[in-house]
Amino acid sequence: MTTGSAPSATGGKEGAHATLAGGCFWCTEAVFSELAGVLAAIPGYAGGTVPEPTYEQVCTGRTGHAEAVDVTYDPTKISYRDLLTVFFTTHDPTTLNRQGNDVGTQYRSAVFYRTPAEKAETESLVRELEGTRVWKRKIVTEIVPFSNFYPAEEYHRDYFRRNPEKAYCRAVVAPKVAKFRHQYAERLKPA
């Protein structure tokens, strides 16, 4: 399904959308699912050329898709800039086509903007972050127009919550979520 607003992918929840790719979508979904103001965080595939790709196809790196999360949010509770700030500080935006041991174009860092204002906001934040030298290397996050988003297969949804005992979840997702919870404790959804 290609979507600009993804109402069926979010269970009918309406709101604004941000499509973000920060490496493995299990990590990105786990972080944004706990953020106050976020109505839904759906893992899927964005930016590629193959319609309705499967996980196996995307993993080859030949479809052009990035593992991404379509975040539906309430802009009266959280701003686009705040979403971007969480995004940039919960993954490494300085590594090209990789996050940790996950390597390939499907793991690239990308912001798929929908409006000129979103593009400008993203570029402004990148300049600000680079100016403060948060990272030693240059940010390589792609800032590209939104073209498509295909929700991932059902077994990818809410993966971390449903599979905390899996090795990848323990070794990669859990530490990332713990760091996010510590860094953004005041921004978490009520328990």
N, C-alpha and C. Protein backbone atom coordinates (compact mmCIF):
# COMPACT_ATOMS: atom_id res chain seq x y z
N MET A 1 0.84 -1.17 0.00
CA MET A 1 0.00 0.00 0.00
C MET A 1 0.89 1.23 0.00
N THR A 2 0.68 2.08 -0.94
CA THR A 2 1.37 3.37 -0.92
C THR A 2 0.45 4.33 -0.21
N THR A 3 1.04 5.13 0.67
CA THR A 3 0.16 5.99 1.44
C THR A 3 0.82 7.33 1.74
N GLY A 4 0.03 8.35 1.74
CA GLY A 4 0.49 9.66 2.16
C GLY A 4 0.02 9.95 3.57
N SER A 5 -1.12 9.39 3.94
CA SER A 5 -1.65 9.63 5.27
C SER A 5 -1.82 8.35 6.07
N ALA A 6 -1.75 7.21 5.44
CA ALA A 6 -1.75 5.90 6.08
C ALA A 6 -2.87 5.63 7.07
N PRO A 7 -4.15 6.06 6.80
CA PRO A 7 -5.17 5.81 7.80
C PRO A 7 -5.38 4.33 8.07
N SER A 8 -5.33 3.47 7.06
CA SER A 8 -5.55 2.06 7.32
C SER A 8 -4.36 1.45 8.05
N ALA A 9 -3.18 1.97 7.83
CA ALA A 9 -1.99 1.44 8.50
C ALA A 9 -1.95 1.82 9.97
N THR A 10 -2.69 2.81 10.37
CA THR A 10 -2.66 3.28 11.76
C THR A 10 -3.93 2.90 12.51
N GLY A 11 -4.69 2.00 11.96
CA GLY A 11 -5.90 1.58 12.66
C GLY A 11 -6.95 2.67 12.71
N GLY A 12 -6.95 3.57 11.73
CA GLY A 12 -7.96 4.62 11.67
C GLY A 12 -7.60 5.87 12.45
N LYS A 13 -6.44 5.90 13.08
CA LYS A 13 -6.04 7.08 13.85
C LYS A 13 -5.60 8.18 12.89
N GLU A 14 -6.21 9.34 13.03
CA GLU A 14 -5.89 10.47 12.17
C GLU A 14 -4.87 11.36 12.87
N GLY A 15 -4.09 12.03 12.10
CA GLY A 15 -3.08 12.93 12.63
C GLY A 15 -2.12 13.29 11.52
N ALA A 16 -1.07 13.97 11.87
CA ALA A 16 -0.03 14.29 10.91
C ALA A 16 0.92 13.09 10.82
N HIS A 17 1.71 13.06 9.74
CA HIS A 17 2.61 11.93 9.53
C HIS A 17 4.04 12.39 9.32
N ALA A 18 4.96 11.59 9.85
CA ALA A 18 6.39 11.76 9.59
C ALA A 18 6.92 10.37 9.26
N THR A 19 7.62 10.25 8.16
CA THR A 19 8.19 8.96 7.78
C THR A 19 9.70 9.06 7.93
N LEU A 20 10.23 8.22 8.82
CA LEU A 20 11.62 8.32 9.24
C LEU A 20 12.31 6.96 9.15
N ALA A 21 13.54 6.96 8.66
CA ALA A 21 14.33 5.73 8.57
C ALA A 21 15.61 5.93 9.38
N GLY A 22 15.77 5.11 10.39
CA GLY A 22 16.94 5.23 11.26
C GLY A 22 17.59 3.89 11.53
N GLY A 23 17.75 3.08 10.48
CA GLY A 23 18.28 1.73 10.68
C GLY A 23 17.15 0.75 10.82
N CYS A 24 17.35 -0.27 11.62
CA CYS A 24 16.34 -1.31 11.81
C CYS A 24 15.03 -0.71 12.31
N PHE A 25 13.94 -1.03 11.65
CA PHE A 25 12.67 -0.42 12.04
C PHE A 25 12.13 -0.94 13.35
N TRP A 26 12.65 -2.06 13.84
CA TRP A 26 12.22 -2.52 15.17
C TRP A 26 12.64 -1.52 16.24
N CYS A 27 13.86 -0.98 16.09
CA CYS A 27 14.36 0.02 17.05
C CYS A 27 13.55 1.32 16.95
N THR A 28 13.40 1.81 15.72
CA THR A 28 12.73 3.09 15.51
C THR A 28 11.28 3.03 15.98
N GLU A 29 10.60 1.94 15.66
CA GLU A 29 9.21 1.78 16.10
C GLU A 29 9.12 1.73 17.63
N ALA A 30 10.03 1.00 18.28
CA ALA A 30 10.00 0.86 19.74
C ALA A 30 10.14 2.22 20.42
N VAL A 31 11.03 3.06 19.90
CA VAL A 31 11.24 4.39 20.46
C VAL A 31 10.00 5.26 20.28
N PHE A 32 9.54 5.40 19.05
CA PHE A 32 8.43 6.31 18.79
C PHE A 32 7.11 5.83 19.39
N SER A 33 6.95 4.54 19.58
CA SER A 33 5.72 4.02 20.19
C SER A 33 5.53 4.50 21.61
N GLU A 34 6.62 4.86 22.29
CA GLU A 34 6.54 5.28 23.69
C GLU A 34 6.52 6.80 23.86
N LEU A 35 6.61 7.54 22.77
CA LEU A 35 6.70 9.00 22.83
C LEU A 35 5.31 9.63 22.93
N ALA A 36 5.12 10.48 23.94
CA ALA A 36 3.85 11.17 24.10
C ALA A 36 3.54 12.00 22.86
N GLY A 37 2.29 11.97 22.44
CA GLY A 37 1.85 12.70 21.25
C GLY A 37 1.85 11.84 20.01
N VAL A 38 2.49 10.67 20.07
CA VAL A 38 2.51 9.75 18.93
C VAL A 38 1.30 8.84 19.03
N LEU A 39 0.51 8.82 17.98
CA LEU A 39 -0.70 8.00 17.94
C LEU A 39 -0.42 6.59 17.44
N ALA A 40 0.55 6.47 16.53
CA ALA A 40 0.92 5.16 15.98
C ALA A 40 2.30 5.26 15.36
N ALA A 41 3.02 4.15 15.40
CA ALA A 41 4.32 4.05 14.74
C ALA A 41 4.32 2.71 14.01
N ILE A 42 4.23 2.77 12.70
CA ILE A 42 4.07 1.57 11.88
C ILE A 42 5.37 1.30 11.12
N PRO A 43 5.99 0.12 11.33
CA PRO A 43 7.19 -0.19 10.56
C PRO A 43 6.83 -0.52 9.12
N GLY A 44 7.74 -0.18 8.22
CA GLY A 44 7.49 -0.50 6.81
C GLY A 44 8.66 -0.10 5.95
N TYR A 45 8.37 0.10 4.69
CA TYR A 45 9.40 0.33 3.68
C TYR A 45 9.08 1.62 2.93
N ALA A 46 10.07 2.50 2.81
CA ALA A 46 9.86 3.80 2.17
C ALA A 46 10.97 4.09 1.17
N GLY A 47 10.59 4.86 0.15
CA GLY A 47 11.56 5.41 -0.77
C GLY A 47 12.05 4.52 -1.88
N GLY A 48 11.50 3.36 -2.05
CA GLY A 48 11.98 2.45 -3.08
C GLY A 48 11.18 2.48 -4.35
N THR A 49 11.53 1.59 -5.26
CA THR A 49 10.90 1.56 -6.57
C THR A 49 10.02 0.34 -6.81
N VAL A 50 10.11 -0.67 -5.96
CA VAL A 50 9.33 -1.89 -6.14
C VAL A 50 8.02 -1.76 -5.36
N PRO A 51 6.88 -1.89 -6.06
CA PRO A 51 5.61 -1.79 -5.34
C PRO A 51 5.40 -3.00 -4.41
N GLU A 52 4.80 -2.75 -3.25
CA GLU A 52 4.45 -3.80 -2.29
C GLU A 52 5.62 -4.74 -2.00
N PRO A 53 6.78 -4.21 -1.62
CA PRO A 53 7.93 -5.10 -1.41
C PRO A 53 7.75 -5.96 -0.16
N THR A 54 8.41 -7.10 -0.17
CA THR A 54 8.43 -7.96 1.01
C THR A 54 9.71 -7.67 1.79
N TYR A 55 9.74 -8.11 3.02
CA TYR A 55 10.93 -7.96 3.86
C TYR A 55 12.14 -8.60 3.18
N GLU A 56 11.94 -9.79 2.63
CA GLU A 56 13.02 -10.50 1.96
C GLU A 56 13.55 -9.70 0.77
N GLN A 57 12.67 -9.07 0.00
CA GLN A 57 13.10 -8.26 -1.13
C GLN A 57 13.89 -7.04 -0.66
N VAL A 58 13.39 -6.37 0.37
CA VAL A 58 14.05 -5.17 0.88
C VAL A 58 15.43 -5.52 1.43
N CYS A 59 15.54 -6.68 2.08
CA CYS A 59 16.82 -7.10 2.66
C CYS A 59 17.91 -7.32 1.61
N THR A 60 17.54 -7.50 0.35
CA THR A 60 18.56 -7.67 -0.69
C THR A 60 19.26 -6.35 -0.99
N GLY A 61 18.63 -5.22 -0.61
CA GLY A 61 19.19 -3.91 -0.92
C GLY A 61 18.95 -3.48 -2.35
N ARG A 62 18.17 -4.25 -3.11
CA ARG A 62 17.97 -3.93 -4.53
C ARG A 62 16.63 -3.25 -4.83
N THR A 63 15.78 -3.04 -3.83
CA THR A 63 14.48 -2.41 -4.10
C THR A 63 14.53 -0.89 -3.94
N GLY A 64 15.58 -0.39 -3.31
CA GLY A 64 15.69 1.04 -3.05
C GLY A 64 14.98 1.51 -1.80
N HIS A 65 14.28 0.61 -1.12
CA HIS A 65 13.55 0.98 0.09
C HIS A 65 14.48 1.05 1.30
N ALA A 66 14.10 1.88 2.24
CA ALA A 66 14.72 1.91 3.56
C ALA A 66 13.72 1.32 4.54
N GLU A 67 14.23 0.61 5.55
CA GLU A 67 13.36 0.22 6.65
C GLU A 67 13.00 1.53 7.35
N ALA A 68 11.73 1.81 7.45
CA ALA A 68 11.28 3.10 7.98
C ALA A 68 10.09 2.90 8.91
N VAL A 69 9.72 3.97 9.57
CA VAL A 69 8.54 3.96 10.43
C VAL A 69 7.68 5.16 10.04
N ASP A 70 6.41 4.90 9.79
CA ASP A 70 5.46 5.98 9.54
C ASP A 70 4.86 6.34 10.90
N VAL A 71 5.20 7.53 11.36
CA VAL A 71 4.76 8.00 12.67
C VAL A 71 3.54 8.89 12.49
N THR A 72 2.43 8.49 13.07
CA THR A 72 1.23 9.33 13.11
C THR A 72 1.25 10.04 14.45
N TYR A 73 1.16 11.36 14.40
CA TYR A 73 1.27 12.12 15.64
C TYR A 73 0.26 13.25 15.69
N ASP A 74 0.02 13.71 16.91
CA ASP A 74 -0.89 14.82 17.16
C ASP A 74 -0.04 16.09 17.26
N PRO A 75 -0.07 16.96 16.24
CA PRO A 75 0.78 18.15 16.25
C PRO A 75 0.43 19.16 17.34
N THR A 76 -0.72 18.96 18.01
CA THR A 76 -1.03 19.83 19.15
C THR A 76 -0.32 19.35 20.42
N LYS A 77 0.25 18.13 20.36
CA LYS A 77 0.93 17.56 21.53
C LYS A 77 2.43 17.40 21.33
N ILE A 78 2.85 17.26 20.09
CA ILE A 78 4.28 17.15 19.79
C ILE A 78 4.52 17.74 18.40
N SER A 79 5.56 18.52 18.29
CA SER A 79 5.85 19.17 17.01
C SER A 79 6.69 18.27 16.10
N TYR A 80 6.68 18.60 14.83
CA TYR A 80 7.51 17.90 13.86
C TYR A 80 8.98 18.02 14.27
N ARG A 81 9.38 19.21 14.70
CA ARG A 81 10.77 19.42 15.12
C ARG A 81 11.12 18.54 16.31
N ASP A 82 10.21 18.38 17.26
CA ASP A 82 10.48 17.51 18.41
C ASP A 82 10.63 16.05 17.95
N LEU A 83 9.79 15.62 17.01
CA LEU A 83 9.95 14.26 16.46
C LEU A 83 11.33 14.10 15.83
N LEU A 84 11.73 15.11 15.05
CA LEU A 84 13.05 15.04 14.41
C LEU A 84 14.17 15.01 15.44
N THR A 85 14.04 15.77 16.50
CA THR A 85 15.07 15.79 17.55
C THR A 85 15.22 14.40 18.16
N VAL A 86 14.10 13.77 18.48
CA VAL A 86 14.16 12.40 19.01
C VAL A 86 14.79 11.48 17.97
N PHE A 87 14.38 11.60 16.73
CA PHE A 87 14.91 10.77 15.66
C PHE A 87 16.43 10.90 15.56
N PHE A 88 16.93 12.13 15.48
CA PHE A 88 18.36 12.32 15.29
C PHE A 88 19.18 11.90 16.50
N THR A 89 18.59 11.94 17.69
CA THR A 89 19.36 11.60 18.89
C THR A 89 19.20 10.15 19.34
N THR A 90 18.42 9.36 18.60
CA THR A 90 18.26 7.95 18.97
C THR A 90 18.82 6.99 17.93
N HIS A 91 19.56 7.51 16.98
CA HIS A 91 20.32 6.65 16.05
C HIS A 91 21.55 7.44 15.62
N ASP A 92 22.44 6.81 14.88
CA ASP A 92 23.65 7.50 14.43
C ASP A 92 23.44 8.01 13.01
N PRO A 93 23.17 9.30 12.85
CA PRO A 93 22.91 9.85 11.52
C PRO A 93 24.19 10.14 10.72
N THR A 94 25.33 9.69 11.25
CA THR A 94 26.61 9.97 10.57
C THR A 94 27.17 8.76 9.84
N THR A 95 26.49 7.63 9.91
CA THR A 95 26.99 6.44 9.23
C THR A 95 26.18 6.19 7.97
N LEU A 96 26.86 6.05 6.87
CA LEU A 96 26.20 5.87 5.58
C LEU A 96 25.77 4.41 5.39
N ASN A 97 24.48 4.23 5.18
CA ASN A 97 23.92 2.91 4.87
C ASN A 97 24.23 1.86 5.93
N ARG A 98 24.16 2.28 7.18
CA ARG A 98 24.35 1.32 8.26
C ARG A 98 23.94 1.91 9.59
N GLN A 99 23.59 1.01 10.50
CA GLN A 99 23.43 1.33 11.91
C GLN A 99 24.04 0.14 12.64
N GLY A 100 25.16 0.36 13.30
CA GLY A 100 25.85 -0.73 13.99
C GLY A 100 26.23 -1.82 13.02
N ASN A 101 25.82 -3.05 13.33
CA ASN A 101 26.14 -4.19 12.46
C ASN A 101 25.15 -4.38 11.32
N ASP A 102 24.08 -3.58 11.29
CA ASP A 102 23.11 -3.65 10.20
C ASP A 102 23.64 -2.80 9.05
N VAL A 103 24.03 -3.46 7.95
CA VAL A 103 24.68 -2.77 6.85
C VAL A 103 23.88 -2.97 5.56
N GLY A 104 23.71 -1.90 4.80
CA GLY A 104 23.02 -1.94 3.52
C GLY A 104 22.18 -0.70 3.35
N THR A 105 21.82 -0.40 2.12
CA THR A 105 21.03 0.81 1.86
C THR A 105 19.69 0.79 2.58
N GLN A 106 19.18 -0.38 2.88
CA GLN A 106 17.89 -0.47 3.59
C GLN A 106 18.00 0.03 5.02
N TYR A 107 19.23 0.19 5.53
CA TYR A 107 19.44 0.69 6.89
C TYR A 107 19.91 2.14 6.92
N ARG A 108 19.75 2.83 5.81
CA ARG A 108 20.20 4.22 5.75
C ARG A 108 19.34 5.11 6.65
N SER A 109 19.92 6.25 6.99
CA SER A 109 19.21 7.27 7.76
C SER A 109 18.53 8.20 6.76
N ALA A 110 17.22 8.40 6.92
CA ALA A 110 16.50 9.24 5.96
C ALA A 110 15.28 9.87 6.60
N VAL A 111 14.99 11.09 6.17
CA VAL A 111 13.75 11.79 6.51
C VAL A 111 13.01 11.98 5.20
N PHE A 112 11.80 11.46 5.12
CA PHE A 112 10.97 11.56 3.92
C PHE A 112 9.95 12.68 4.17
N TYR A 113 10.29 13.88 3.73
CA TYR A 113 9.43 15.03 4.03
C TYR A 113 8.24 15.09 3.07
N ARG A 114 7.13 15.65 3.55
CA ARG A 114 5.91 15.78 2.76
C ARG A 114 5.65 17.20 2.27
N THR A 115 6.24 18.18 2.93
CA THR A 115 5.99 19.58 2.56
C THR A 115 7.30 20.35 2.53
N PRO A 116 7.33 21.48 1.82
CA PRO A 116 8.53 22.32 1.86
C PRO A 116 8.89 22.77 3.29
N ALA A 117 7.87 22.99 4.12
CA ALA A 117 8.14 23.40 5.51
C ALA A 117 8.85 22.28 6.28
N GLU A 118 8.45 21.03 6.06
CA GLU A 118 9.13 19.91 6.72
C GLU A 118 10.58 19.79 6.24
N LYS A 119 10.78 19.99 4.95
CA LYS A 119 12.15 19.95 4.41
C LYS A 119 13.00 21.04 5.07
N ALA A 120 12.48 22.24 5.11
CA ALA A 120 13.21 23.36 5.71
C ALA A 120 13.49 23.11 7.19
N GLU A 121 12.52 22.58 7.91
CA GLU A 121 12.69 22.28 9.33
C GLU A 121 13.79 21.24 9.54
N THR A 122 13.79 20.22 8.70
CA THR A 122 14.80 19.15 8.80
C THR A 122 16.18 19.71 8.51
N GLU A 123 16.30 20.48 7.43
CA GLU A 123 17.60 21.07 7.08
C GLU A 123 18.09 22.01 8.17
N SER A 124 17.19 22.78 8.75
CA SER A 124 17.55 23.70 9.82
C SER A 124 18.08 22.94 11.04
N LEU A 125 17.41 21.86 11.42
CA LEU A 125 17.85 21.08 12.57
C LEU A 125 19.20 20.42 12.30
N VAL A 126 19.40 19.92 11.11
CA VAL A 126 20.70 19.31 10.76
C VAL A 126 21.81 20.35 10.90
N ARG A 127 21.59 21.55 10.39
CA ARG A 127 22.60 22.61 10.52
C ARG A 127 22.87 22.92 11.99
N GLU A 128 21.80 22.99 12.78
CA GLU A 128 21.95 23.27 14.21
C GLU A 128 22.75 22.17 14.91
N LEU A 129 22.40 20.91 14.64
CA LEU A 129 23.10 19.79 15.26
C LEU A 129 24.57 19.74 14.84
N GLU A 130 24.82 20.00 13.57
CA GLU A 130 26.21 20.01 13.11
C GLU A 130 26.98 21.17 13.73
N GLY A 131 26.31 22.28 13.93
CA GLY A 131 26.96 23.45 14.54
C GLY A 131 27.33 23.22 15.99
N THR A 132 26.56 22.38 16.69
CA THR A 132 26.87 22.10 18.10
C THR A 132 27.83 20.94 18.26
N ARG A 133 28.21 20.33 17.15
CA ARG A 133 29.17 19.23 17.17
C ARG A 133 28.74 18.06 18.07
N VAL A 134 27.46 17.72 17.98
CA VAL A 134 26.95 16.58 18.74
C VAL A 134 27.71 15.32 18.33
N TRP A 135 28.01 15.19 17.06
CA TRP A 135 28.78 14.07 16.53
C TRP A 135 30.08 14.60 15.93
N LYS A 136 31.09 13.76 15.92
CA LYS A 136 32.39 14.16 15.36
C LYS A 136 32.35 14.16 13.83
N ARG A 137 31.49 13.32 13.25
CA ARG A 137 31.38 13.23 11.80
C ARG A 137 30.16 14.00 11.30
N LYS A 138 30.15 14.25 10.00
CA LYS A 138 29.05 14.96 9.33
C LYS A 138 27.80 14.08 9.28
N ILE A 139 26.64 14.70 9.45
CA ILE A 139 25.36 14.00 9.32
C ILE A 139 25.14 13.64 7.85
N VAL A 140 24.83 12.37 7.59
CA VAL A 140 24.63 11.91 6.20
C VAL A 140 23.17 11.51 5.95
N THR A 141 22.28 11.85 6.85
CA THR A 141 20.86 11.53 6.70
C THR A 141 20.33 12.11 5.39
N GLU A 142 19.67 11.27 4.61
CA GLU A 142 19.03 11.75 3.38
C GLU A 142 17.80 12.56 3.77
N ILE A 143 17.60 13.68 3.11
CA ILE A 143 16.39 14.48 3.29
C ILE A 143 15.74 14.50 1.90
N VAL A 144 14.74 13.63 1.75
CA VAL A 144 14.17 13.39 0.42
C VAL A 144 12.65 13.47 0.45
N PRO A 145 12.04 13.81 -0.69
CA PRO A 145 10.57 13.88 -0.72
C PRO A 145 9.94 12.52 -0.46
N PHE A 146 8.85 12.53 0.26
CA PHE A 146 8.07 11.32 0.48
C PHE A 146 7.50 10.87 -0.86
N SER A 147 7.66 9.58 -1.18
CA SER A 147 7.07 9.06 -2.41
C SER A 147 6.16 7.88 -2.13
N ASN A 148 6.53 7.05 -1.15
CA ASN A 148 5.70 5.88 -0.85
C ASN A 148 6.05 5.33 0.52
N PHE A 149 5.12 4.61 1.07
CA PHE A 149 5.34 3.86 2.31
C PHE A 149 4.48 2.62 2.24
N TYR A 150 5.10 1.47 2.45
CA TYR A 150 4.39 0.20 2.47
C TYR A 150 4.54 -0.40 3.86
N PRO A 151 3.45 -0.61 4.58
CA PRO A 151 3.57 -1.23 5.91
C PRO A 151 4.24 -2.60 5.80
N ALA A 152 5.07 -2.90 6.78
CA ALA A 152 5.75 -4.20 6.83
C ALA A 152 4.76 -5.29 7.18
N GLU A 153 5.19 -6.50 7.00
CA GLU A 153 4.39 -7.66 7.36
C GLU A 153 4.01 -7.58 8.84
N GLU A 154 2.88 -8.18 9.16
CA GLU A 154 2.32 -8.09 10.50
C GLU A 154 3.31 -8.52 11.59
N TYR A 155 4.13 -9.52 11.34
CA TYR A 155 5.02 -10.01 12.40
C TYR A 155 6.09 -8.99 12.79
N HIS A 156 6.30 -7.94 12.00
CA HIS A 156 7.26 -6.88 12.35
C HIS A 156 6.65 -5.85 13.30
N ARG A 157 5.34 -5.76 13.34
CA ARG A 157 4.69 -4.72 14.14
C ARG A 157 4.80 -5.01 15.63
N ASP A 158 5.19 -3.97 16.36
CA ASP A 158 5.33 -4.07 17.81
C ASP A 158 6.29 -5.20 18.18
N TYR A 159 7.31 -5.36 17.35
CA TYR A 159 8.22 -6.50 17.45
C TYR A 159 8.94 -6.56 18.80
N PHE A 160 9.48 -5.44 19.24
CA PHE A 160 10.24 -5.44 20.48
C PHE A 160 9.36 -5.81 21.68
N ARG A 161 8.18 -5.25 21.76
CA ARG A 161 7.29 -5.56 22.89
C ARG A 161 6.90 -7.03 22.89
N ARG A 162 6.71 -7.59 21.71
CA ARG A 162 6.27 -8.98 21.62
C ARG A 162 7.42 -10.00 21.69
N ASN A 163 8.65 -9.54 21.47
CA ASN A 163 9.79 -10.46 21.40
C ASN A 163 11.00 -9.98 22.21
N PRO A 164 10.81 -9.55 23.45
CA PRO A 164 11.94 -9.00 24.20
C PRO A 164 13.06 -10.00 24.46
N GLU A 165 12.75 -11.30 24.39
CA GLU A 165 13.75 -12.32 24.67
C GLU A 165 14.64 -12.64 23.47
N LYS A 166 14.27 -12.21 22.28
CA LYS A 166 15.08 -12.47 21.09
C LYS A 166 16.45 -11.81 21.24
N ALA A 167 17.48 -12.46 20.73
CA ALA A 167 18.86 -11.96 20.88
C ALA A 167 19.02 -10.54 20.36
N TYR A 168 18.49 -10.25 19.18
CA TYR A 168 18.63 -8.90 18.60
C TYR A 168 17.94 -7.87 19.49
N CYS A 169 16.79 -8.21 20.01
CA CYS A 169 16.06 -7.28 20.88
C CYS A 169 16.85 -7.01 22.16
N ARG A 170 17.43 -8.05 22.75
CA ARG A 170 18.22 -7.87 23.98
C ARG A 170 19.49 -7.08 23.72
N ALA A 171 20.17 -7.39 22.62
CA ALA A 171 21.48 -6.79 22.35
C ALA A 171 21.41 -5.40 21.72
N VAL A 172 20.40 -5.14 20.90
CA VAL A 172 20.36 -3.89 20.14
C VAL A 172 19.17 -3.01 20.53
N VAL A 173 17.97 -3.54 20.48
CA VAL A 173 16.78 -2.72 20.70
C VAL A 173 16.67 -2.28 22.16
N ALA A 174 16.84 -3.21 23.09
CA ALA A 174 16.66 -2.87 24.51
C ALA A 174 17.60 -1.75 24.97
N PRO A 175 18.89 -1.78 24.65
CA PRO A 175 19.75 -0.67 25.07
C PRO A 175 19.34 0.67 24.45
N LYS A 176 18.90 0.64 23.20
CA LYS A 176 18.48 1.87 22.54
C LYS A 176 17.23 2.44 23.20
N VAL A 177 16.28 1.58 23.51
CA VAL A 177 15.05 2.02 24.17
C VAL A 177 15.35 2.52 25.58
N ALA A 178 16.24 1.83 26.29
CA ALA A 178 16.61 2.27 27.65
C ALA A 178 17.24 3.65 27.61
N LYS A 179 18.12 3.89 26.66
CA LYS A 179 18.76 5.21 26.51
C LYS A 179 17.71 6.27 26.20
N PHE A 180 16.79 5.94 25.28
CA PHE A 180 15.70 6.87 24.94
C PHE A 180 14.86 7.19 26.18
N ARG A 181 14.47 6.16 26.94
CA ARG A 181 13.64 6.37 28.13
C ARG A 181 14.35 7.28 29.14
N HIS A 182 15.64 7.10 29.29
CA HIS A 182 16.40 7.94 30.21
C HIS A 182 16.50 9.38 29.71
N GLN A 183 16.85 9.52 28.42
CA GLN A 183 17.06 10.85 27.83
C GLN A 183 15.77 11.64 27.71
N TYR A 184 14.66 10.97 27.46
CA TYR A 184 13.39 11.66 27.22
C TYR A 184 12.32 11.25 28.24
N ALA A 185 12.70 11.02 29.48
CA ALA A 185 11.76 10.55 30.50
C ALA A 185 10.51 11.43 30.60
N GLU A 186 10.70 12.75 30.47
CA GLU A 186 9.55 13.67 30.59
C GLU A 186 8.66 13.66 29.37
N ARG A 187 9.08 13.00 28.28
CA ARG A 187 8.30 12.98 27.02
C ARG A 187 7.61 11.64 26.80
N LEU A 188 7.72 10.70 27.73
CA LEU A 188 7.14 9.38 27.56
C LEU A 188 5.63 9.40 27.77
N LYS A 189 4.95 8.49 27.11
CA LYS A 189 3.51 8.30 27.35
C LYS A 189 3.34 7.82 28.78
N PRO A 190 2.21 8.15 29.40
CA PRO A 190 1.97 7.63 30.76
C PRO A 190 1.92 6.10 30.74
N ALA A 191 2.45 5.50 31.78
CA ALA A 191 2.48 4.02 31.86
C ALA A 191 1.11 3.45 32.09
